[in-house]
Amino acid sequence: MGASQRGGDGHRRAGRGPRWATRGALALAAVALAPAFGVGSALPAGAATTPAGPVRYLDPLFASNLAPRVEASYDPGHALNQRQTVQIAGIAGSFTLTLAGQTTAALPPTASAAQVQAALRSLPATDLDADGIGDVAVTGGPGAFNGGNNFHVTFTAPAPAGGYARITATGTGLVSYPGFPTMASAQCDRCLDVYQPDEVTAPAGGRPVILLLHGGSFMAGAKDAASGDPNGGRMEVWATALATRGYVVVPINYSLSDPNQLPPTSCDWDAISGPACPAAWYASVANAQHDAQAAIRWLRLGAQPVSGGGADNPFRIDPNQVMVVGESAGAFAA
């Protein structure tokens, strides 16, 4: 029970692994059997089920009636895409970063934060205030036990018209340590997506909300497939399937820890059947939980009446019915 585990997302994690997977699976199973439109736990007549894959129940009432997905920042101090995390998993090969159609020179996966910052600043697209210097700062870097490298990118000048652009990462010939995955991805920090049935069908009291937390050992993972992280595709599948059943589903990106700050260890989260985990691991969980709470506050604030007019509960949610569901690390944080 105290041995380190490797989850379905391919990342090694410390602690009692079965708890991570089981909690997420049970939570998702419970959601799958609880329609949001008041007919108890039975599946609606004519509902299609696909046994291959998690939570693929499609209610014909909502399946073809989803509103456009909305992406937003729930960080009160930063705009959408102002802070982003680039995840590079590998010890050999190369990667490039692309912003607004401009691509950096190839970088090794062991590049330092200073090297990544210089590469991004070489792109005219990062010169937001037109002073000839790229307005971007990068922290983080290599040295992790699993070959994972997280670079935290912050744009330091006001956003251009249309907002900050999303970075994309592309890996070429990446090689990692045996047993560990390779990956090149980039995602917005402390941001979320809102999946919802069309508001025309919303009940008077609003819809229940499912906050969805991705897996990734607290140092990887994402809410969407566009990031390039394999966890993101599963979040999109589950969010779409649950929204087709009448929920407002909100996958979030929470703050990721630097892999080089999380040492490999065999430990027990509860310090019962083995030694307690290092403080950095507990801090990773606390950061994810803090961000989930911030996302809930953002949703509930948006559901309050707006003084002086304006949008009132734009996502038609019931702020008193919020469930937090996660996979792997996300289940542990939930």
C-alpha atoms as a PDB file:
ATOM      1  CA  MET A   1       0.000   0.000   0.000  1.00  0.00           C
ATOM      2  CA  GLY A   2       2.891   2.339   0.620  1.00  0.00           C
ATOM      3  CA  ALA A   3       4.648   1.720  -2.696  1.00  0.00           C
ATOM      4  CA  SER A   4       4.675   4.326  -5.426  1.00  0.00           C
ATOM      5  CA  GLN A   5       2.074   3.715  -8.105  1.00  0.00           C
ATOM      6  CA  ARG A   6       1.663   4.438 -11.789  1.00  0.00           C
ATOM      7  CA  GLY A   7      -1.814   5.452 -12.902  1.00  0.00           C
ATOM      8  CA  GLY A   8      -3.607   5.141 -16.210  1.00  0.00           C
ATOM      9  CA  ASP A   9      -2.257   8.546 -17.259  1.00  0.00           C
ATOM     10  CA  GLY A  10       1.261   7.055 -17.334  1.00  0.00           C
ATOM     11  CA  HIS A  11       2.681   9.218 -14.556  1.00  0.00           C
ATOM     12  CA  ARG A  12       4.230   7.826 -11.405  1.00  0.00           C
ATOM     13  CA  ARG A  13       2.714   9.016  -8.158  1.00  0.00           C
ATOM     14  CA  ALA A  14       3.464   8.450  -4.519  1.00  0.00           C
ATOM     15  CA  GLY A  15       0.993   7.189  -1.979  1.00  0.00           C
ATOM     16  CA  ARG A  16      -1.826   4.679  -1.946  1.00  0.00           C
ATOM     17  CA  GLY A  17      -2.517   4.451  -5.645  1.00  0.00           C
ATOM     18  CA  PRO A  18      -5.780   2.470  -5.523  1.00  0.00           C
ATOM     19  CA  ARG A  19      -7.470   5.313  -3.646  1.00  0.00           C
ATOM     20  CA  TRP A  20      -6.749   7.697  -6.503  1.00  0.00           C
ATOM     21  CA  ALA A  21      -8.265   5.537  -9.202  1.00  0.00           C
ATOM     22  CA  THR A  22     -11.172   4.184  -7.162  1.00  0.00           C
ATOM     23  CA  ARG A  23     -12.408   7.529  -5.907  1.00  0.00           C
ATOM     24  CA  GLY A  24     -12.512   8.933  -9.423  1.00  0.00           C
ATOM     25  CA  ALA A  25     -14.239   5.860 -10.862  1.00  0.00           C
ATOM     26  CA  LEU A  26     -16.895   5.780  -8.142  1.00  0.00           C
ATOM     27  CA  ALA A  27     -17.585   9.473  -8.476  1.00  0.00           C
ATOM     28  CA  LEU A  28     -18.039   9.254 -12.221  1.00  0.00           C
ATOM     29  CA  ALA A  29     -20.230   6.166 -11.931  1.00  0.00           C
ATOM     30  CA  ALA A  30     -22.481   7.963  -9.467  1.00  0.00           C
ATOM     31  CA  VAL A  31     -22.832  10.910 -11.804  1.00  0.00           C
ATOM     32  CA  ALA A  32     -23.635   8.661 -14.740  1.00  0.00           C
ATOM     33  CA  LEU A  33     -26.656   7.254 -12.912  1.00  0.00           C
ATOM     34  CA  ALA A  34     -28.057  10.570 -11.725  1.00  0.00           C
ATOM     35  CA  PRO A  35     -29.819  12.512 -14.490  1.00  0.00           C
ATOM     36  CA  ALA A  36     -30.208  16.220 -13.856  1.00  0.00           C
ATOM     37  CA  PHE A  37     -33.786  16.567 -14.968  1.00  0.00           C
ATOM     38  CA  GLY A  38     -35.722  14.954 -12.152  1.00  0.00           C
ATOM     39  CA  VAL A  39     -36.444  11.390 -13.223  1.00  0.00           C
ATOM     40  CA  GLY A  40     -34.531   9.591 -10.474  1.00  0.00           C
ATOM     41  CA  SER A  41     -31.673   7.236 -11.205  1.00  0.00           C
ATOM     42  CA  ALA A  42     -33.161   5.386 -14.171  1.00  0.00           C
ATOM     43  CA  LEU A  43     -31.884   6.068 -17.666  1.00  0.00           C
ATOM     44  CA  PRO A  44     -34.420   7.939 -19.827  1.00  0.00           C
ATOM     45  CA  ALA A  45     -36.297   5.973 -22.436  1.00  0.00           C
ATOM     46  CA  GLY A  46     -34.325   5.726 -25.650  1.00  0.00           C
ATOM     47  CA  ALA A  47     -31.035   6.788 -24.094  1.00  0.00           C
ATOM     48  CA  ALA A  48     -28.043   5.442 -25.966  1.00  0.00           C
ATOM     49  CA  THR A  49     -25.259   3.732 -24.028  1.00  0.00           C
ATOM     50  CA  THR A  50     -21.787   2.819 -25.194  1.00  0.00           C
ATOM     51  CA  PRO A  51     -20.083   0.341 -22.865  1.00  0.00           C
ATOM     52  CA  ALA A  52     -16.592   1.043 -24.253  1.00  0.00           C
ATOM     53  CA  GLY A  53     -15.263   4.037 -22.313  1.00  0.00           C
ATOM     54  CA  PRO A  54     -16.369   5.929 -19.206  1.00  0.00           C
ATOM     55  CA  VAL A  55     -19.636   7.828 -18.866  1.00  0.00           C
ATOM     56  CA  ARG A  56     -20.932   7.759 -22.426  1.00  0.00           C
ATOM     57  CA  TYR A  57     -24.658   7.946 -21.697  1.00  0.00           C
ATOM     58  CA  LEU A  58     -26.300  10.326 -24.145  1.00  0.00           C
ATOM     59  CA  ASP A  59     -29.731  11.691 -23.337  1.00  0.00           C
ATOM     60  CA  PRO A  60     -31.581  12.457 -26.603  1.00  0.00           C
ATOM     61  CA  LEU A  61     -33.159  15.470 -24.878  1.00  0.00           C
ATOM     62  CA  PHE A  62     -29.805  17.253 -24.762  1.00  0.00           C
ATOM     63  CA  ALA A  63     -27.440  15.388 -27.080  1.00  0.00           C
ATOM     64  CA  SER A  64     -27.989  17.715 -30.035  1.00  0.00           C
ATOM     65  CA  ASN A  65     -28.726  20.804 -27.988  1.00  0.00           C
ATOM     66  CA  LEU A  66     -25.468  21.908 -26.346  1.00  0.00           C
ATOM     67  CA  ALA A  67     -24.556  25.577 -26.148  1.00  0.00           C
ATOM     68  CA  PRO A  68     -21.103  26.651 -27.429  1.00  0.00           C
ATOM     69  CA  ARG A  69     -18.311  25.891 -24.996  1.00  0.00           C
ATOM     70  CA  VAL A  70     -17.095  28.921 -23.021  1.00  0.00           C
ATOM     71  CA  GLU A  71     -13.490  29.335 -21.837  1.00  0.00           C
ATOM     72  CA  ALA A  72     -12.586  31.800 -19.087  1.00  0.00           C
ATOM     73  CA  SER A  73     -10.033  32.602 -16.399  1.00  0.00           C
ATOM     74  CA  TYR A  74     -11.144  32.121 -12.806  1.00  0.00           C
ATOM     75  CA  ASP A  75      -7.982  33.858 -11.537  1.00  0.00           C
ATOM     76  CA  PRO A  76      -8.986  37.368 -10.374  1.00  0.00           C
ATOM     77  CA  GLY A  77      -5.436  38.626 -10.927  1.00  0.00           C
ATOM     78  CA  HIS A  78      -4.804  37.396 -14.470  1.00  0.00           C
ATOM     79  CA  ALA A  79      -6.654  37.360 -17.773  1.00  0.00           C
ATOM     80  CA  LEU A  80      -7.239  34.225 -19.833  1.00  0.00           C
ATOM     81  CA  ASN A  81      -3.934  32.903 -21.235  1.00  0.00           C
ATOM     82  CA  GLN A  82      -1.880  35.561 -19.427  1.00  0.00           C
ATOM     83  CA  ARG A  83      -0.248  32.735 -17.474  1.00  0.00           C
ATOM     84  CA  GLN A  84       0.451  29.437 -19.204  1.00  0.00           C
ATOM     85  CA  THR A  85       2.342  26.234 -18.414  1.00  0.00           C
ATOM     86  CA  VAL A  86       4.434  24.433 -21.013  1.00  0.00           C
ATOM     87  CA  GLN A  87       4.955  20.747 -20.194  1.00  0.00           C
ATOM     88  CA  ILE A  88       7.869  18.942 -21.803  1.00  0.00           C
ATOM     89  CA  ALA A  89       8.510  15.301 -20.885  1.00  0.00           C
ATOM     90  CA  GLY A  90      11.747  13.931 -22.257  1.00  0.00           C
ATOM     91  CA  ILE A  91      15.509  13.805 -21.829  1.00  0.00           C
ATOM     92  CA  ALA A  92      16.464  13.842 -25.512  1.00  0.00           C
ATOM     93  CA  GLY A  93      15.030  15.190 -28.748  1.00  0.00           C
ATOM     94  CA  SER A  94      13.687  18.721 -29.153  1.00  0.00           C
ATOM     95  CA  PHE A  95      10.611  20.911 -28.954  1.00  0.00           C
ATOM     96  CA  THR A  96       9.367  24.182 -30.372  1.00  0.00           C
ATOM     97  CA  LEU A  97       6.803  26.698 -29.144  1.00  0.00           C
ATOM     98  CA  THR A  98       4.374  28.499 -31.423  1.00  0.00           C
ATOM     99  CA  LEU A  99       2.515  31.722 -30.626  1.00  0.00           C
ATOM    100  CA  ALA A 100       0.229  33.568 -33.051  1.00  0.00           C
ATOM    101  CA  GLY A 101       1.669  31.656 -36.003  1.00  0.00           C
ATOM    102  CA  GLN A 102       5.310  32.313 -35.039  1.00  0.00           C
ATOM    103  CA  THR A 103       7.567  29.432 -33.986  1.00  0.00           C
ATOM    104  CA  THR A 104      10.747  29.382 -31.920  1.00  0.00           C
ATOM    105  CA  ALA A 105      13.937  27.637 -32.856  1.00  0.00           C
ATOM    106  CA  ALA A 106      14.200  24.050 -31.626  1.00  0.00           C
ATOM    107  CA  LEU A 107      15.030  23.658 -27.946  1.00  0.00           C
ATOM    108  CA  PRO A 108      16.279  20.598 -26.042  1.00  0.00           C
ATOM    109  CA  PRO A 109      13.857  19.175 -23.439  1.00  0.00           C
ATOM    110  CA  THR A 110      16.535  19.923 -20.830  1.00  0.00           C
ATOM    111  CA  ALA A 111      16.490  23.649 -21.683  1.00  0.00           C
ATOM    112  CA  SER A 112      16.587  26.124 -18.809  1.00  0.00           C
ATOM    113  CA  ALA A 113      13.875  28.668 -18.099  1.00  0.00           C
ATOM    114  CA  ALA A 114      16.240  31.377 -19.359  1.00  0.00           C
ATOM    115  CA  GLN A 115      16.640  29.569 -22.693  1.00  0.00           C
ATOM    116  CA  VAL A 116      12.873  29.154 -23.116  1.00  0.00           C
ATOM    117  CA  GLN A 117      12.335  32.802 -22.184  1.00  0.00           C
ATOM    118  CA  ALA A 118      14.911  33.960 -24.736  1.00  0.00           C
ATOM    119  CA  ALA A 119      13.312  31.802 -27.440  1.00  0.00           C
ATOM    120  CA  LEU A 120       9.857  33.237 -26.749  1.00  0.00           C
ATOM    121  CA  ARG A 121      11.154  36.806 -26.571  1.00  0.00           C
ATOM    122  CA  SER A 122      12.637  36.340 -30.042  1.00  0.00           C
ATOM    123  CA  LEU A 123       9.085  36.099 -31.417  1.00  0.00           C
ATOM    124  CA  PRO A 124       7.598  39.473 -32.423  1.00  0.00           C
ATOM    125  CA  ALA A 125       4.233  38.218 -31.145  1.00  0.00           C
ATOM    126  CA  THR A 126       5.515  38.494 -27.548  1.00  0.00           C
ATOM    127  CA  ASP A 127       6.351  42.199 -27.934  1.00  0.00           C
ATOM    128  CA  LEU A 128       2.929  43.323 -26.740  1.00  0.00           C
ATOM    129  CA  ASP A 129       3.825  46.971 -26.084  1.00  0.00           C
ATOM    130  CA  ALA A 130       5.905  47.403 -29.261  1.00  0.00           C
ATOM    131  CA  ASP A 131       9.082  48.486 -27.463  1.00  0.00           C
ATOM    132  CA  GLY A 132      11.271  45.897 -29.187  1.00  0.00           C
ATOM    133  CA  ILE A 133      11.458  43.557 -26.168  1.00  0.00           C
ATOM    134  CA  GLY A 134       9.332  40.463 -25.694  1.00  0.00           C
ATOM    135  CA  ASP A 135       6.914  40.891 -22.796  1.00  0.00           C
ATOM    136  CA  VAL A 136       7.159  37.421 -21.317  1.00  0.00           C
ATOM    137  CA  ALA A 137       8.787  35.886 -18.242  1.00  0.00           C
ATOM    138  CA  VAL A 138       9.527  32.165 -17.769  1.00  0.00           C
ATOM    139  CA  THR A 139      10.242  30.180 -14.601  1.00  0.00           C
ATOM    140  CA  GLY A 140      10.578  26.460 -13.888  1.00  0.00           C
ATOM    141  CA  GLY A 141      12.845  24.090 -15.724  1.00  0.00           C
ATOM    142  CA  PRO A 142      14.494  20.674 -15.953  1.00  0.00           C
ATOM    143  CA  GLY A 143      15.925  18.264 -13.429  1.00  0.00           C
ATOM    144  CA  ALA A 144      12.916  16.100 -12.560  1.00  0.00           C
ATOM    145  CA  PHE A 145      13.281  12.433 -11.625  1.00  0.00           C
ATOM    146  CA  ASN A 146      10.798  11.458 -14.366  1.00  0.00           C
ATOM    147  CA  GLY A 147      12.187  13.652 -17.150  1.00  0.00           C
ATOM    148  CA  GLY A 148       9.239  16.049 -16.891  1.00  0.00           C
ATOM    149  CA  ASN A 149       9.864  19.765 -17.207  1.00  0.00           C
ATOM    150  CA  ASN A 150       7.254  22.456 -16.516  1.00  0.00           C
ATOM    151  CA  PHE A 151       7.907  25.991 -17.725  1.00  0.00           C
ATOM    152  CA  HIS A 152       5.602  28.676 -16.310  1.00  0.00           C
ATOM    153  CA  VAL A 153       5.070  31.509 -18.797  1.00  0.00           C
ATOM    154  CA  THR A 154       3.639  34.894 -17.800  1.00  0.00           C
ATOM    155  CA  PHE A 155       2.890  37.761 -20.175  1.00  0.00           C
ATOM    156  CA  THR A 156       3.949  40.985 -18.465  1.00  0.00           C
ATOM    157  CA  ALA A 157       2.254  43.645 -20.614  1.00  0.00           C
ATOM    158  CA  PRO A 158      -1.445  44.449 -21.177  1.00  0.00           C
ATOM    159  CA  ALA A 159      -3.251  42.110 -23.520  1.00  0.00           C
ATOM    160  CA  PRO A 160      -3.593  43.030 -27.201  1.00  0.00           C
ATOM    161  CA  ALA A 161      -6.976  43.334 -28.862  1.00  0.00           C
ATOM    162  CA  GLY A 162      -8.589  39.918 -28.761  1.00  0.00           C
ATOM    163  CA  GLY A 163      -6.686  38.817 -25.646  1.00  0.00           C
ATOM    164  CA  TYR A 164      -3.525  36.830 -25.036  1.00  0.00           C
ATOM    165  CA  ALA A 165      -2.725  34.104 -27.553  1.00  0.00           C
ATOM    166  CA  ARG A 166      -2.417  30.458 -26.570  1.00  0.00           C
ATOM    167  CA  ILE A 167       0.994  28.826 -26.875  1.00  0.00           C
ATOM    168  CA  THR A 168       1.257  25.442 -28.572  1.00  0.00           C
ATOM    169  CA  ALA A 169       4.150  23.034 -28.020  1.00  0.00           C
ATOM    170  CA  THR A 170       5.443  20.514 -30.548  1.00  0.00           C
ATOM    171  CA  GLY A 171       7.915  17.764 -29.734  1.00  0.00           C
ATOM    172  CA  THR A 172      10.270  16.142 -32.242  1.00  0.00           C
ATOM    173  CA  GLY A 173      11.975  12.834 -31.496  1.00  0.00           C
ATOM    174  CA  LEU A 174      11.423  13.143 -27.761  1.00  0.00           C
ATOM    175  CA  VAL A 175      12.847  10.293 -25.675  1.00  0.00           C
ATOM    176  CA  SER A 176      12.187   9.808 -21.970  1.00  0.00           C
ATOM    177  CA  TYR A 177      13.366   7.511 -19.213  1.00  0.00           C
ATOM    178  CA  PRO A 178      12.140   3.900 -19.562  1.00  0.00           C
ATOM    179  CA  GLY A 179       8.589   3.593 -18.305  1.00  0.00           C
ATOM    180  CA  PHE A 180       7.828   7.311 -18.513  1.00  0.00           C
ATOM    181  CA  PRO A 181       5.884   9.034 -21.281  1.00  0.00           C
ATOM    182  CA  THR A 182       7.055  11.740 -23.647  1.00  0.00           C
ATOM    183  CA  MET A 183       4.929  14.823 -24.107  1.00  0.00           C
ATOM    184  CA  ALA A 184       4.929  18.386 -25.407  1.00  0.00           C
ATOM    185  CA  SER A 185       1.918  20.419 -24.318  1.00  0.00           C
ATOM    186  CA  ALA A 186       0.882  23.919 -23.288  1.00  0.00           C
ATOM    187  CA  GLN A 187      -2.135  25.135 -21.376  1.00  0.00           C
ATOM    188  CA  CYS A 188      -3.613  28.200 -19.750  1.00  0.00           C
ATOM    189  CA  ASP A 189      -3.226  28.437 -15.973  1.00  0.00           C
ATOM    190  CA  ARG A 190      -6.225  28.679 -13.596  1.00  0.00           C
ATOM    191  CA  CYS A 191      -8.738  28.635 -16.425  1.00  0.00           C
ATOM    192  CA  LEU A 192     -11.881  26.635 -17.112  1.00  0.00           C
ATOM    193  CA  ASP A 193     -14.337  25.553 -19.777  1.00  0.00           C
ATOM    194  CA  VAL A 194     -18.108  25.594 -19.370  1.00  0.00           C
ATOM    195  CA  TYR A 195     -20.126  22.868 -21.126  1.00  0.00           C
ATOM    196  CA  GLN A 196     -23.882  23.380 -20.917  1.00  0.00           C
ATOM    197  CA  PRO A 197     -27.161  22.383 -22.525  1.00  0.00           C
ATOM    198  CA  ASP A 198     -28.799  25.207 -24.407  1.00  0.00           C
ATOM    199  CA  GLU A 199     -30.264  27.651 -21.882  1.00  0.00           C
ATOM    200  CA  VAL A 200     -33.695  27.408 -23.495  1.00  0.00           C
ATOM    201  CA  THR A 201     -34.164  24.078 -21.718  1.00  0.00           C
ATOM    202  CA  ALA A 202     -32.768  25.217 -18.337  1.00  0.00           C
ATOM    203  CA  PRO A 203     -35.061  24.614 -15.332  1.00  0.00           C
ATOM    204  CA  ALA A 204     -36.196  27.630 -13.328  1.00  0.00           C
ATOM    205  CA  GLY A 205     -33.879  26.853 -10.401  1.00  0.00           C
ATOM    206  CA  GLY A 206     -30.806  26.401 -12.556  1.00  0.00           C
ATOM    207  CA  ARG A 207     -28.792  23.321 -13.410  1.00  0.00           C
ATOM    208  CA  PRO A 208     -26.528  21.348 -11.041  1.00  0.00           C
ATOM    209  CA  VAL A 209     -22.814  21.857 -11.662  1.00  0.00           C
ATOM    210  CA  ILE A 210     -20.037  19.279 -11.971  1.00  0.00           C
ATOM    211  CA  LEU A 211     -16.530  20.654 -11.489  1.00  0.00           C
ATOM    212  CA  LEU A 212     -14.161  18.254 -13.262  1.00  0.00           C
ATOM    213  CA  LEU A 213     -10.520  17.867 -12.166  1.00  0.00           C
ATOM    214  CA  HIS A 214      -8.019  16.145 -14.481  1.00  0.00           C
ATOM    215  CA  GLY A 215      -5.350  13.640 -13.512  1.00  0.00           C
ATOM    216  CA  GLY A 216      -1.606  13.869 -13.970  1.00  0.00           C
ATOM    217  CA  SER A 217       0.091  13.437 -10.573  1.00  0.00           C
ATOM    218  CA  PHE A 218      -0.325  17.172  -9.850  1.00  0.00           C
ATOM    219  CA  MET A 219       2.478  17.971 -12.283  1.00  0.00           C
ATOM    220  CA  ALA A 220       0.771  17.279 -15.621  1.00  0.00           C
ATOM    221  CA  GLY A 221      -2.724  17.067 -17.092  1.00  0.00           C
ATOM    222  CA  ALA A 222      -5.116  19.517 -18.716  1.00  0.00           C
ATOM    223  CA  LYS A 223      -8.803  20.258 -19.236  1.00  0.00           C
ATOM    224  CA  ASP A 224      -8.795  20.046 -23.053  1.00  0.00           C
ATOM    225  CA  ALA A 225      -7.266  18.177 -25.960  1.00  0.00           C
ATOM    226  CA  ALA A 226      -5.940  21.371 -27.548  1.00  0.00           C
ATOM    227  CA  SER A 227      -3.244  21.452 -24.859  1.00  0.00           C
ATOM    228  CA  GLY A 228      -1.598  18.351 -26.310  1.00  0.00           C
ATOM    229  CA  ASP A 229      -1.847  16.537 -22.962  1.00  0.00           C
ATOM    230  CA  PRO A 230      -3.558  13.120 -23.297  1.00  0.00           C
ATOM    231  CA  ASN A 231      -5.571  13.763 -20.128  1.00  0.00           C
ATOM    232  CA  GLY A 232      -7.328  16.636 -21.878  1.00  0.00           C
ATOM    233  CA  GLY A 233      -9.065  14.444 -24.432  1.00  0.00           C
ATOM    234  CA  ARG A 234     -10.689  12.377 -21.696  1.00  0.00           C
ATOM    235  CA  MET A 235     -11.897  15.520 -19.928  1.00  0.00           C
ATOM    236  CA  GLU A 236     -13.584  16.656 -23.138  1.00  0.00           C
ATOM    237  CA  VAL A 237     -15.297  13.277 -23.608  1.00  0.00           C
ATOM    238  CA  TRP A 238     -16.604  13.206 -20.055  1.00  0.00           C
ATOM    239  CA  ALA A 239     -17.627  16.857 -19.994  1.00  0.00           C
ATOM    240  CA  THR A 240     -19.578  16.510 -23.243  1.00  0.00           C
ATOM    241  CA  ALA A 241     -21.259  13.287 -22.139  1.00  0.00           C
ATOM    242  CA  LEU A 242     -22.300  14.740 -18.779  1.00  0.00           C
ATOM    243  CA  ALA A 243     -23.532  17.984 -20.317  1.00  0.00           C
ATOM    244  CA  THR A 244     -25.722  15.984 -22.681  1.00  0.00           C
ATOM    245  CA  ARG A 245     -27.436  14.654 -19.549  1.00  0.00           C
ATOM    246  CA  GLY A 246     -28.432  18.106 -18.360  1.00  0.00           C
ATOM    247  CA  TYR A 247     -25.517  19.200 -16.147  1.00  0.00           C
ATOM    248  CA  VAL A 248     -23.356  22.289 -16.437  1.00  0.00           C
ATOM    249  CA  VAL A 249     -19.890  20.727 -16.529  1.00  0.00           C
ATOM    250  CA  VAL A 250     -16.780  22.761 -15.760  1.00  0.00           C
ATOM    251  CA  PRO A 251     -13.362  21.140 -16.365  1.00  0.00           C
ATOM    252  CA  ILE A 252     -10.593  23.293 -14.899  1.00  0.00           C
ATOM    253  CA  ASN A 253      -6.857  23.682 -15.178  1.00  0.00           C
ATOM    254  CA  TYR A 254      -5.397  23.918 -11.688  1.00  0.00           C
ATOM    255  CA  SER A 255      -1.886  24.997 -10.683  1.00  0.00           C
ATOM    256  CA  LEU A 256       0.698  22.342 -11.549  1.00  0.00           C
ATOM    257  CA  SER A 257       3.782  21.697  -9.465  1.00  0.00           C
ATOM    258  CA  ASP A 258       7.248  21.560 -10.971  1.00  0.00           C
ATOM    259  CA  PRO A 259       8.328  17.920 -11.385  1.00  0.00           C
ATOM    260  CA  ASN A 260      11.840  18.871 -10.276  1.00  0.00           C
ATOM    261  CA  GLN A 261      10.384  19.894  -6.902  1.00  0.00           C
ATOM    262  CA  LEU A 262       8.612  16.559  -6.349  1.00  0.00           C
ATOM    263  CA  PRO A 263      11.131  13.850  -5.427  1.00  0.00           C
ATOM    264  CA  PRO A 264      10.483  10.168  -6.175  1.00  0.00           C
ATOM    265  CA  THR A 265       9.341   8.510  -3.020  1.00  0.00           C
ATOM    266  CA  SER A 266       7.460   5.601  -1.530  1.00  0.00           C
ATOM    267  CA  CYS A 267       5.163   7.024   1.103  1.00  0.00           C
ATOM    268  CA  ASP A 268       1.677   6.930   2.583  1.00  0.00           C
ATOM    269  CA  TRP A 269      -0.499  10.036   2.337  1.00  0.00           C
ATOM    270  CA  ASP A 270      -2.113   9.304   5.709  1.00  0.00           C
ATOM    271  CA  ALA A 271       1.156   8.182   7.344  1.00  0.00           C
ATOM    272  CA  ILE A 272      -0.557   5.016   8.603  1.00  0.00           C
ATOM    273  CA  SER A 273       0.999   2.124   6.713  1.00  0.00           C
ATOM    274  CA  GLY A 274       4.212   3.919   5.822  1.00  0.00           C
ATOM    275  CA  PRO A 275       6.197   7.131   6.206  1.00  0.00           C
ATOM    276  CA  ALA A 276       4.509  10.446   5.500  1.00  0.00           C
ATOM    277  CA  CYS A 277       5.088  11.989   2.093  1.00  0.00           C
ATOM    278  CA  PRO A 278       7.411  14.986   1.631  1.00  0.00           C
ATOM    279  CA  ALA A 279       5.850  18.393   2.209  1.00  0.00           C
ATOM    280  CA  ALA A 280       6.015  19.225  -1.518  1.00  0.00           C
ATOM    281  CA  TRP A 281       3.510  16.478  -2.321  1.00  0.00           C
ATOM    282  CA  TYR A 282       1.011  17.741   0.269  1.00  0.00           C
ATOM    283  CA  ALA A 283       1.459  21.280  -1.068  1.00  0.00           C
ATOM    284  CA  SER A 284       0.595  20.026  -4.572  1.00  0.00           C
ATOM    285  CA  VAL A 285      -2.727  18.643  -3.323  1.00  0.00           C
ATOM    286  CA  ALA A 286      -3.455  21.826  -1.384  1.00  0.00           C
ATOM    287  CA  ASN A 287      -2.786  23.967  -4.475  1.00  0.00           C
ATOM    288  CA  ALA A 288      -5.210  21.922  -6.578  1.00  0.00           C
ATOM    289  CA  GLN A 289      -7.892  22.105  -3.879  1.00  0.00           C
ATOM    290  CA  HIS A 290      -7.383  25.854  -3.473  1.00  0.00           C
ATOM    291  CA  ASP A 291      -7.839  26.353  -7.213  1.00  0.00           C
ATOM    292  CA  ALA A 292     -10.971  24.182  -7.284  1.00  0.00           C
ATOM    293  CA  GLN A 293     -12.427  26.317  -4.505  1.00  0.00           C
ATOM    294  CA  ALA A 294     -11.527  29.463  -6.450  1.00  0.00           C
ATOM    295  CA  ALA A 295     -13.312  28.104  -9.537  1.00  0.00           C
ATOM    296  CA  ILE A 296     -16.425  27.391  -7.460  1.00  0.00           C
ATOM    297  CA  ARG A 297     -16.321  30.934  -6.062  1.00  0.00           C
ATOM    298  CA  TRP A 298     -16.046  32.264  -9.629  1.00  0.00           C
ATOM    299  CA  LEU A 299     -19.099  30.268 -10.695  1.00  0.00           C
ATOM    300  CA  ARG A 300     -21.148  31.257  -7.663  1.00  0.00           C
ATOM    301  CA  LEU A 301     -20.220  34.927  -8.044  1.00  0.00           C
ATOM    302  CA  GLY A 302     -21.430  34.814 -11.624  1.00  0.00           C
ATOM    303  CA  ALA A 303     -24.715  33.315 -10.436  1.00  0.00           C
ATOM    304  CA  GLN A 304     -25.451  36.300  -8.174  1.00  0.00           C
ATOM    305  CA  PRO A 305     -27.717  39.171  -9.275  1.00  0.00           C
ATOM    306  CA  VAL A 306     -25.726  41.967 -10.920  1.00  0.00           C
ATOM    307  CA  SER A 307     -26.179  45.383  -9.319  1.00  0.00           C
ATOM    308  CA  GLY A 308     -27.202  47.993 -11.852  1.00  0.00           C
ATOM    309  CA  GLY A 309     -28.143  45.500 -14.537  1.00  0.00           C
ATOM    310  CA  GLY A 310     -26.058  43.213 -16.726  1.00  0.00           C
ATOM    311  CA  ALA A 311     -25.806  39.455 -17.071  1.00  0.00           C
ATOM    312  CA  ASP A 312     -27.499  37.486 -14.303  1.00  0.00           C
ATOM    313  CA  ASN A 313     -26.379  33.869 -13.957  1.00  0.00           C
ATOM    314  CA  PRO A 314     -25.276  33.507 -17.594  1.00  0.00           C
ATOM    315  CA  PHE A 315     -24.722  29.742 -17.307  1.00  0.00           C
ATOM    316  CA  ARG A 316     -28.090  29.118 -15.585  1.00  0.00           C
ATOM    317  CA  ILE A 317     -26.510  27.189 -12.716  1.00  0.00           C
ATOM    318  CA  ASP A 318     -27.862  26.278  -9.312  1.00  0.00           C
ATOM    319  CA  PRO A 319     -25.043  27.580  -7.052  1.00  0.00           C
ATOM    320  CA  ASN A 320     -26.233  25.315  -4.225  1.00  0.00           C
ATOM    321  CA  GLN A 321     -25.728  22.126  -6.253  1.00  0.00           C
ATOM    322  CA  VAL A 322     -22.038  21.771  -7.049  1.00  0.00           C
ATOM    323  CA  MET A 323     -20.271  18.391  -7.244  1.00  0.00           C
ATOM    324  CA  VAL A 324     -16.490  18.067  -7.558  1.00  0.00           C
ATOM    325  CA  VAL A 325     -15.404  15.036  -9.595  1.00  0.00           C
ATOM    326  CA  GLY A 326     -11.885  14.011 -10.552  1.00  0.00           C
ATOM    327  CA  GLU A 327      -9.725  11.402 -12.213  1.00  0.00           C
ATOM    328  CA  SER A 328      -6.568  10.070 -10.563  1.00  0.00           C
ATOM    329  CA  ALA A 329      -4.851  13.087  -8.954  1.00  0.00           C
ATOM    330  CA  GLY A 330      -8.015  15.089  -9.562  1.00  0.00           C
ATOM    331  CA  ALA A 331     -10.029  12.503  -7.615  1.00  0.00           C
ATOM    332  CA  PHE A 332      -7.590  12.765  -4.743  1.00  0.00           C
ATOM    333  CA  ALA A 333      -7.987  16.566  -4.665  1.00  0.00           C
ATOM    334  CA  ALA A 334     -11.764  16.275  -4.912  1.00  0.00           C
END
